[in-house]
């Protein structure tokens, strides 16, 4: 099988020349587009998650030889979480080449964080099966790039950090209020405001309430110098 022009371009962005192009096609096939002759990417996603975890664990140990397990765990979770995988997927425009069924496509599937994160993990597995662990590690470290070096600053969950900030000052936990919702039903955007008892507020917009809450908490922490 020969890759189509758009998948060849994507493989170039990925930085891997597939000896077995079928693996890449499968990695990019969502369940809404699967059939008995066209398997979806769920099994590859399962494998890719494990390959990513091993590469990130190795990279963190090499980057900080003095870190304890307690320090490494939150950094690791930040690097391998679905949101980070989806961010990387957006950077290489993975959504543009996802193979989706019509209903999923019409509901904004190419922009959905879960679909992008799952497909990114599946693509990692495809590289691993095609070229081995070294090939997968090279792709992952290049795509994750500076995230490994800067992960300590990002490792604390913003909502947890904001709650700890409030508790340390004997304040009630922050509240999160949805102040607006825009966009069509299949691709909504939520505006969430993080509020503290002392009147400090910050808002953020995202395609999921959870992401908007995290971003609002981060914005408020930045304002507070936390």
C-alpha atoms as a PDB file:
ATOM      1  CA  UNK A   1       0.000   0.000   0.000  1.00  0.00           C
ATOM      2  CA  UNK A   2       1.194   3.491  -0.855  1.00  0.00           C
ATOM      3  CA  UNK A   3       0.298   6.430   1.331  1.00  0.00           C
ATOM      4  CA  UNK A   4      -1.905   9.163  -0.086  1.00  0.00           C
ATOM      5  CA  UNK A   5      -0.399  12.613  -0.561  1.00  0.00           C
ATOM      6  CA  UNK A   6      -1.892  13.992   2.654  1.00  0.00           C
ATOM      7  CA  UNK A   7      -0.679  11.030   4.717  1.00  0.00           C
ATOM      8  CA  UNK A   8       2.777  11.265   3.156  1.00  0.00           C
ATOM      9  CA  UNK A   9       2.907  14.914   4.199  1.00  0.00           C
ATOM     10  CA  UNK A  10       1.752  13.970   7.691  1.00  0.00           C
ATOM     11  CA  UNK A  11       4.385  11.226   7.951  1.00  0.00           C
ATOM     12  CA  UNK A  12       6.992  13.845   7.036  1.00  0.00           C
ATOM     13  CA  UNK A  13       5.722  16.101   9.828  1.00  0.00           C
ATOM     14  CA  UNK A  14       5.869  13.130  12.150  1.00  0.00           C
ATOM     15  CA  UNK A  15       9.442  12.418  11.091  1.00  0.00           C
ATOM     16  CA  UNK A  16       9.091   8.720  10.290  1.00  0.00           C
ATOM     17  CA  UNK A  17       9.212   6.922   6.945  1.00  0.00           C
ATOM     18  CA  UNK A  18       6.807   3.981   7.246  1.00  0.00           C
ATOM     19  CA  UNK A  19       7.925   0.665   5.803  1.00  0.00           C
ATOM     20  CA  UNK A  20       4.376  -0.580   6.456  1.00  0.00           C
ATOM     21  CA  UNK A  21       2.014   2.304   5.641  1.00  0.00           C
ATOM     22  CA  UNK A  22      -1.006   0.244   6.738  1.00  0.00           C
ATOM     23  CA  UNK A  23       0.044   0.849  10.333  1.00  0.00           C
ATOM     24  CA  UNK A  24      -0.285   4.608   9.949  1.00  0.00           C
ATOM     25  CA  UNK A  25      -3.661   4.280   8.234  1.00  0.00           C
ATOM     26  CA  UNK A  26      -4.923   2.104  11.070  1.00  0.00           C
ATOM     27  CA  UNK A  27      -3.580   4.501  13.698  1.00  0.00           C
ATOM     28  CA  UNK A  28      -5.602   7.299  12.135  1.00  0.00           C
ATOM     29  CA  UNK A  29      -8.846   5.318  11.782  1.00  0.00           C
ATOM     30  CA  UNK A  30     -11.451   6.162  14.424  1.00  0.00           C
ATOM     31  CA  UNK A  31     -14.037   3.615  15.497  1.00  0.00           C
ATOM     32  CA  UNK A  32     -16.742   5.550  13.617  1.00  0.00           C
ATOM     33  CA  UNK A  33     -14.950   4.673  10.366  1.00  0.00           C
ATOM     34  CA  UNK A  34     -14.012   1.071  11.128  1.00  0.00           C
ATOM     35  CA  UNK A  35     -15.325  -2.029   9.387  1.00  0.00           C
ATOM     36  CA  UNK A  36     -14.450  -5.759   9.263  1.00  0.00           C
ATOM     37  CA  UNK A  37     -11.781  -4.937   6.682  1.00  0.00           C
ATOM     38  CA  UNK A  38     -10.734  -1.611   8.240  1.00  0.00           C
ATOM     39  CA  UNK A  39      -9.780  -2.022  11.940  1.00  0.00           C
ATOM     40  CA  UNK A  40      -9.838   1.049  14.162  1.00  0.00           C
ATOM     41  CA  UNK A  41      -7.005   2.446  16.268  1.00  0.00           C
ATOM     42  CA  UNK A  42      -8.087   1.349  19.754  1.00  0.00           C
ATOM     43  CA  UNK A  43      -5.612  -1.506  20.141  1.00  0.00           C
ATOM     44  CA  UNK A  44      -2.801   0.710  18.865  1.00  0.00           C
ATOM     45  CA  UNK A  45      -3.852   3.410  21.332  1.00  0.00           C
ATOM     46  CA  UNK A  46      -3.467   0.896  24.174  1.00  0.00           C
ATOM     47  CA  UNK A  47       0.071   0.038  23.056  1.00  0.00           C
ATOM     48  CA  UNK A  48       1.092   3.605  22.284  1.00  0.00           C
ATOM     49  CA  UNK A  49       0.158   4.754  25.777  1.00  0.00           C
ATOM     50  CA  UNK A  50       2.637   2.241  27.212  1.00  0.00           C
ATOM     51  CA  UNK A  51       5.411   3.153  24.765  1.00  0.00           C
ATOM     52  CA  UNK A  52       4.954   6.845  25.539  1.00  0.00           C
ATOM     53  CA  UNK A  53       5.071   6.108  29.259  1.00  0.00           C
ATOM     54  CA  UNK A  54       8.364   4.223  29.016  1.00  0.00           C
ATOM     55  CA  UNK A  55       9.993   6.924  26.883  1.00  0.00           C
ATOM     56  CA  UNK A  56       8.861   9.689  29.247  1.00  0.00           C
ATOM     57  CA  UNK A  57       9.999   7.767  32.338  1.00  0.00           C
ATOM     58  CA  UNK A  58      13.451   7.276  30.818  1.00  0.00           C
ATOM     59  CA  UNK A  59      13.647  10.912  29.743  1.00  0.00           C
ATOM     60  CA  UNK A  60      12.715  12.237  33.179  1.00  0.00           C
ATOM     61  CA  UNK A  61      15.245  10.044  34.948  1.00  0.00           C
ATOM     62  CA  UNK A  62      17.940  11.268  32.577  1.00  0.00           C
ATOM     63  CA  UNK A  63      16.904  14.914  32.926  1.00  0.00           C
ATOM     64  CA  UNK A  64      16.861  14.975  36.733  1.00  0.00           C
ATOM     65  CA  UNK A  65      19.078  12.395  38.410  1.00  0.00           C
ATOM     66  CA  UNK A  66      18.268  13.661  41.906  1.00  0.00           C
ATOM     67  CA  UNK A  67      14.452  13.697  41.721  1.00  0.00           C
ATOM     68  CA  UNK A  68      12.503  11.460  44.062  1.00  0.00           C
ATOM     69  CA  UNK A  69       9.613   9.250  42.996  1.00  0.00           C
ATOM     70  CA  UNK A  70       7.246  11.736  44.615  1.00  0.00           C
ATOM     71  CA  UNK A  71       8.635  14.508  42.419  1.00  0.00           C
ATOM     72  CA  UNK A  72       8.691  12.407  39.264  1.00  0.00           C
ATOM     73  CA  UNK A  73       5.117  11.099  39.470  1.00  0.00           C
ATOM     74  CA  UNK A  74       3.248  14.380  38.854  1.00  0.00           C
ATOM     75  CA  UNK A  75       5.695  15.337  36.096  1.00  0.00           C
ATOM     76  CA  UNK A  76       5.143  11.984  34.429  1.00  0.00           C
ATOM     77  CA  UNK A  77       1.366  12.353  34.637  1.00  0.00           C
ATOM     78  CA  UNK A  78       1.604  15.784  33.024  1.00  0.00           C
ATOM     79  CA  UNK A  79       3.690  14.518  30.111  1.00  0.00           C
ATOM     80  CA  UNK A  80       1.537  11.488  29.266  1.00  0.00           C
ATOM     81  CA  UNK A  81      -1.966  12.784  30.003  1.00  0.00           C
ATOM     82  CA  UNK A  82      -4.529  12.941  27.225  1.00  0.00           C
ATOM     83  CA  UNK A  83      -4.470  16.736  27.095  1.00  0.00           C
ATOM     84  CA  UNK A  84      -0.728  16.781  26.401  1.00  0.00           C
ATOM     85  CA  UNK A  85      -1.088  14.140  23.692  1.00  0.00           C
ATOM     86  CA  UNK A  86      -3.847  16.224  22.127  1.00  0.00           C
ATOM     87  CA  UNK A  87      -1.665  19.348  22.236  1.00  0.00           C
ATOM     88  CA  UNK A  88       1.103  17.515  20.393  1.00  0.00           C
ATOM     89  CA  UNK A  89      -1.456  16.194  17.899  1.00  0.00           C
ATOM     90  CA  UNK A  90      -2.598  19.747  17.175  1.00  0.00           C
ATOM     91  CA  UNK A  91       0.974  20.896  16.627  1.00  0.00           C
ATOM     92  CA  UNK A  92       1.412  18.350  13.825  1.00  0.00           C
ATOM     93  CA  UNK A  93      -2.141  18.869  12.514  1.00  0.00           C
ATOM     94  CA  UNK A  94      -3.122  15.269  13.159  1.00  0.00           C
ATOM     95  CA  UNK A  95      -6.815  16.152  13.123  1.00  0.00           C
ATOM     96  CA  UNK A  96      -6.663  16.967   9.422  1.00  0.00           C
ATOM     97  CA  UNK A  97      -5.835  13.351   8.522  1.00  0.00           C
ATOM     98  CA  UNK A  98      -8.071  11.515  10.998  1.00  0.00           C
ATOM     99  CA  UNK A  99     -10.388   9.040   9.299  1.00  0.00           C
ATOM    100  CA  UNK A 100     -13.821   9.654  10.806  1.00  0.00           C
ATOM    101  CA  UNK A 101     -17.366   8.554  10.084  1.00  0.00           C
ATOM    102  CA  UNK A 102     -19.747  11.219   8.841  1.00  0.00           C
ATOM    103  CA  UNK A 103     -21.547  11.704  12.156  1.00  0.00           C
ATOM    104  CA  UNK A 104     -18.287  12.088  14.083  1.00  0.00           C
ATOM    105  CA  UNK A 105     -16.941  14.453  11.461  1.00  0.00           C
ATOM    106  CA  UNK A 106     -20.085  16.594  11.611  1.00  0.00           C
ATOM    107  CA  UNK A 107     -19.856  16.767  15.397  1.00  0.00           C
ATOM    108  CA  UNK A 108     -16.404  18.344  15.292  1.00  0.00           C
ATOM    109  CA  UNK A 109     -14.411  15.156  15.819  1.00  0.00           C
ATOM    110  CA  UNK A 110     -11.246  16.573  14.275  1.00  0.00           C
ATOM    111  CA  UNK A 111     -11.037  19.070  17.145  1.00  0.00           C
ATOM    112  CA  UNK A 112     -12.079  16.815  20.022  1.00  0.00           C
ATOM    113  CA  UNK A 113      -9.392  16.471  22.651  1.00  0.00           C
ATOM    114  CA  UNK A 114     -10.121  12.811  23.412  1.00  0.00           C
ATOM    115  CA  UNK A 115     -10.006  11.766  19.759  1.00  0.00           C
ATOM    116  CA  UNK A 116      -6.786  13.676  19.129  1.00  0.00           C
ATOM    117  CA  UNK A 117      -5.114  12.288  22.245  1.00  0.00           C
ATOM    118  CA  UNK A 118      -6.145   8.725  21.447  1.00  0.00           C
ATOM    119  CA  UNK A 119      -4.963   9.017  17.843  1.00  0.00           C
ATOM    120  CA  UNK A 120      -1.619  10.467  18.935  1.00  0.00           C
ATOM    121  CA  UNK A 121      -1.035   7.435  21.146  1.00  0.00           C
ATOM    122  CA  UNK A 122      -2.050   5.142  18.275  1.00  0.00           C
ATOM    123  CA  UNK A 123       0.399   6.872  15.934  1.00  0.00           C
ATOM    124  CA  UNK A 124       3.182   6.333  18.485  1.00  0.00           C
ATOM    125  CA  UNK A 125       2.336   2.623  18.500  1.00  0.00           C
ATOM    126  CA  UNK A 126       2.378   2.564  14.702  1.00  0.00           C
ATOM    127  CA  UNK A 127       5.883   4.022  14.675  1.00  0.00           C
ATOM    128  CA  UNK A 128       6.975   1.521  17.347  1.00  0.00           C
ATOM    129  CA  UNK A 129       5.629  -1.479  15.424  1.00  0.00           C
ATOM    130  CA  UNK A 130       7.057  -0.199  12.150  1.00  0.00           C
ATOM    131  CA  UNK A 131      10.513   0.885  13.255  1.00  0.00           C
ATOM    132  CA  UNK A 132      11.093  -0.409  16.778  1.00  0.00           C
ATOM    133  CA  UNK A 133      11.602   1.308  20.117  1.00  0.00           C
ATOM    134  CA  UNK A 134      14.436   3.580  18.997  1.00  0.00           C
ATOM    135  CA  UNK A 135      12.314   4.998  16.169  1.00  0.00           C
ATOM    136  CA  UNK A 136       9.410   5.590  18.537  1.00  0.00           C
ATOM    137  CA  UNK A 137      11.656   7.226  21.124  1.00  0.00           C
ATOM    138  CA  UNK A 138      13.159   9.555  18.516  1.00  0.00           C
ATOM    139  CA  UNK A 139       9.716  10.671  17.340  1.00  0.00           C
ATOM    140  CA  UNK A 140       8.364  11.137  20.865  1.00  0.00           C
ATOM    141  CA  UNK A 141      11.336  13.114  22.171  1.00  0.00           C
ATOM    142  CA  UNK A 142      11.313  15.376  19.136  1.00  0.00           C
ATOM    143  CA  UNK A 143       7.570  16.034  19.304  1.00  0.00           C
ATOM    144  CA  UNK A 144       7.415  16.456  23.085  1.00  0.00           C
ATOM    145  CA  UNK A 145      10.526  18.628  22.843  1.00  0.00           C
ATOM    146  CA  UNK A 146      10.942  21.202  25.581  1.00  0.00           C
ATOM    147  CA  UNK A 147       8.016  19.807  27.570  1.00  0.00           C
ATOM    148  CA  UNK A 148      10.382  17.398  29.311  1.00  0.00           C
ATOM    149  CA  UNK A 149      12.629  20.235  30.460  1.00  0.00           C
ATOM    150  CA  UNK A 150       9.789  22.526  31.560  1.00  0.00           C
ATOM    151  CA  UNK A 151       7.435  19.939  33.021  1.00  0.00           C
ATOM    152  CA  UNK A 152       8.155  20.749  36.674  1.00  0.00           C
ATOM    153  CA  UNK A 153       6.501  24.140  36.324  1.00  0.00           C
ATOM    154  CA  UNK A 154       3.451  22.545  34.686  1.00  0.00           C
ATOM    155  CA  UNK A 155       3.184  19.438  36.851  1.00  0.00           C
ATOM    156  CA  UNK A 156       0.901  20.824  39.523  1.00  0.00           C
ATOM    157  CA  UNK A 157      -2.746  20.622  38.586  1.00  0.00           C
ATOM    158  CA  UNK A 158      -3.893  24.289  38.468  1.00  0.00           C
ATOM    159  CA  UNK A 159      -7.203  23.649  40.257  1.00  0.00           C
ATOM    160  CA  UNK A 160      -5.429  21.759  43.038  1.00  0.00           C
ATOM    161  CA  UNK A 161      -2.764  24.445  43.308  1.00  0.00           C
ATOM    162  CA  UNK A 162      -5.398  27.203  43.512  1.00  0.00           C
ATOM    163  CA  UNK A 163      -7.291  25.317  46.209  1.00  0.00           C
ATOM    164  CA  UNK A 164      -4.066  24.881  48.202  1.00  0.00           C
ATOM    165  CA  UNK A 165      -3.377  28.626  47.796  1.00  0.00           C
ATOM    166  CA  UNK A 166      -6.808  29.418  49.234  1.00  0.00           C
ATOM    167  CA  UNK A 167      -6.531  26.904  52.088  1.00  0.00           C
ATOM    168  CA  UNK A 168      -3.138  28.277  53.096  1.00  0.00           C
ATOM    169  CA  UNK A 169      -4.873  31.640  53.615  1.00  0.00           C
ATOM    170  CA  UNK A 170      -7.819  30.082  55.459  1.00  0.00           C
ATOM    171  CA  UNK A 171     -10.183  30.860  52.592  1.00  0.00           C
ATOM    172  CA  UNK A 172     -12.950  28.601  51.251  1.00  0.00           C
ATOM    173  CA  UNK A 173     -12.125  26.599  48.105  1.00  0.00           C
ATOM    174  CA  UNK A 174     -12.438  28.504  44.825  1.00  0.00           C
ATOM    175  CA  UNK A 175     -15.660  28.226  42.850  1.00  0.00           C
ATOM    176  CA  UNK A 176     -16.052  27.794  39.095  1.00  0.00           C
ATOM    177  CA  UNK A 177     -18.959  29.407  37.275  1.00  0.00           C
ATOM    178  CA  UNK A 178     -19.924  28.939  33.642  1.00  0.00           C
ATOM    179  CA  UNK A 179     -20.446  32.494  32.378  1.00  0.00           C
ATOM    180  CA  UNK A 180     -20.954  31.805  28.680  1.00  0.00           C
ATOM    181  CA  UNK A 181     -21.347  29.080  26.113  1.00  0.00           C
ATOM    182  CA  UNK A 182     -20.850  29.648  22.409  1.00  0.00           C
ATOM    183  CA  UNK A 183     -20.551  27.719  19.177  1.00  0.00           C
ATOM    184  CA  UNK A 184     -22.801  25.022  17.732  1.00  0.00           C
ATOM    185  CA  UNK A 185     -24.074  22.112  19.830  1.00  0.00           C
ATOM    186  CA  UNK A 186     -21.613  19.715  18.207  1.00  0.00           C
ATOM    187  CA  UNK A 187     -18.595  21.916  18.984  1.00  0.00           C
ATOM    188  CA  UNK A 188     -19.355  24.165  21.977  1.00  0.00           C
ATOM    189  CA  UNK A 189     -16.925  26.486  23.739  1.00  0.00           C
ATOM    190  CA  UNK A 190     -17.309  27.151  27.430  1.00  0.00           C
ATOM    191  CA  UNK A 191     -16.245  30.259  29.309  1.00  0.00           C
ATOM    192  CA  UNK A 192     -15.551  29.515  32.972  1.00  0.00           C
ATOM    193  CA  UNK A 193     -14.734  32.002  35.698  1.00  0.00           C
ATOM    194  CA  UNK A 194     -12.634  30.976  38.689  1.00  0.00           C
ATOM    195  CA  UNK A 195     -13.624  32.949  41.785  1.00  0.00           C
ATOM    196  CA  UNK A 196     -12.081  33.407  45.224  1.00  0.00           C
ATOM    197  CA  UNK A 197     -13.789  34.704  48.356  1.00  0.00           C
ATOM    198  CA  UNK A 198     -11.540  37.778  48.361  1.00  0.00           C
ATOM    199  CA  UNK A 199     -13.029  38.900  45.034  1.00  0.00           C
ATOM    200  CA  UNK A 200     -10.181  37.786  42.783  1.00  0.00           C
ATOM    201  CA  UNK A 201     -11.441  36.281  39.527  1.00  0.00           C
ATOM    202  CA  UNK A 202     -10.092  35.059  36.193  1.00  0.00           C
ATOM    203  CA  UNK A 203     -11.805  33.466  33.230  1.00  0.00           C
ATOM    204  CA  UNK A 204     -10.869  31.172  30.359  1.00  0.00           C
ATOM    205  CA  UNK A 205     -12.513  29.624  27.308  1.00  0.00           C
ATOM    206  CA  UNK A 206     -12.073  26.033  26.076  1.00  0.00           C
ATOM    207  CA  UNK A 207     -13.930  23.276  24.264  1.00  0.00           C
ATOM    208  CA  UNK A 208     -14.617  21.391  27.497  1.00  0.00           C
ATOM    209  CA  UNK A 209     -15.662  22.614  30.929  1.00  0.00           C
ATOM    210  CA  UNK A 210     -12.797  20.745  32.573  1.00  0.00           C
ATOM    211  CA  UNK A 211     -10.193  22.379  30.353  1.00  0.00           C
ATOM    212  CA  UNK A 212     -11.752  25.813  30.834  1.00  0.00           C
ATOM    213  CA  UNK A 213     -11.737  25.376  34.621  1.00  0.00           C
ATOM    214  CA  UNK A 214      -8.068  24.361  34.590  1.00  0.00           C
ATOM    215  CA  UNK A 215      -7.136  27.291  32.382  1.00  0.00           C
ATOM    216  CA  UNK A 216      -9.120  29.730  34.523  1.00  0.00           C
ATOM    217  CA  UNK A 217      -7.398  28.400  37.644  1.00  0.00           C
ATOM    218  CA  UNK A 218      -4.005  28.807  35.968  1.00  0.00           C
ATOM    219  CA  UNK A 219      -4.854  32.375  34.915  1.00  0.00           C
ATOM    220  CA  UNK A 220      -5.864  33.232  38.470  1.00  0.00           C
ATOM    221  CA  UNK A 221      -2.724  31.664  39.920  1.00  0.00           C
ATOM    222  CA  UNK A 222      -0.623  33.674  37.475  1.00  0.00           C
ATOM    223  CA  UNK A 223      -2.411  36.835  38.603  1.00  0.00           C
ATOM    224  CA  UNK A 224      -1.830  35.966  42.244  1.00  0.00           C
ATOM    225  CA  UNK A 225       1.791  35.067  41.626  1.00  0.00           C
ATOM    226  CA  UNK A 226       1.166  31.483  42.711  1.00  0.00           C
END
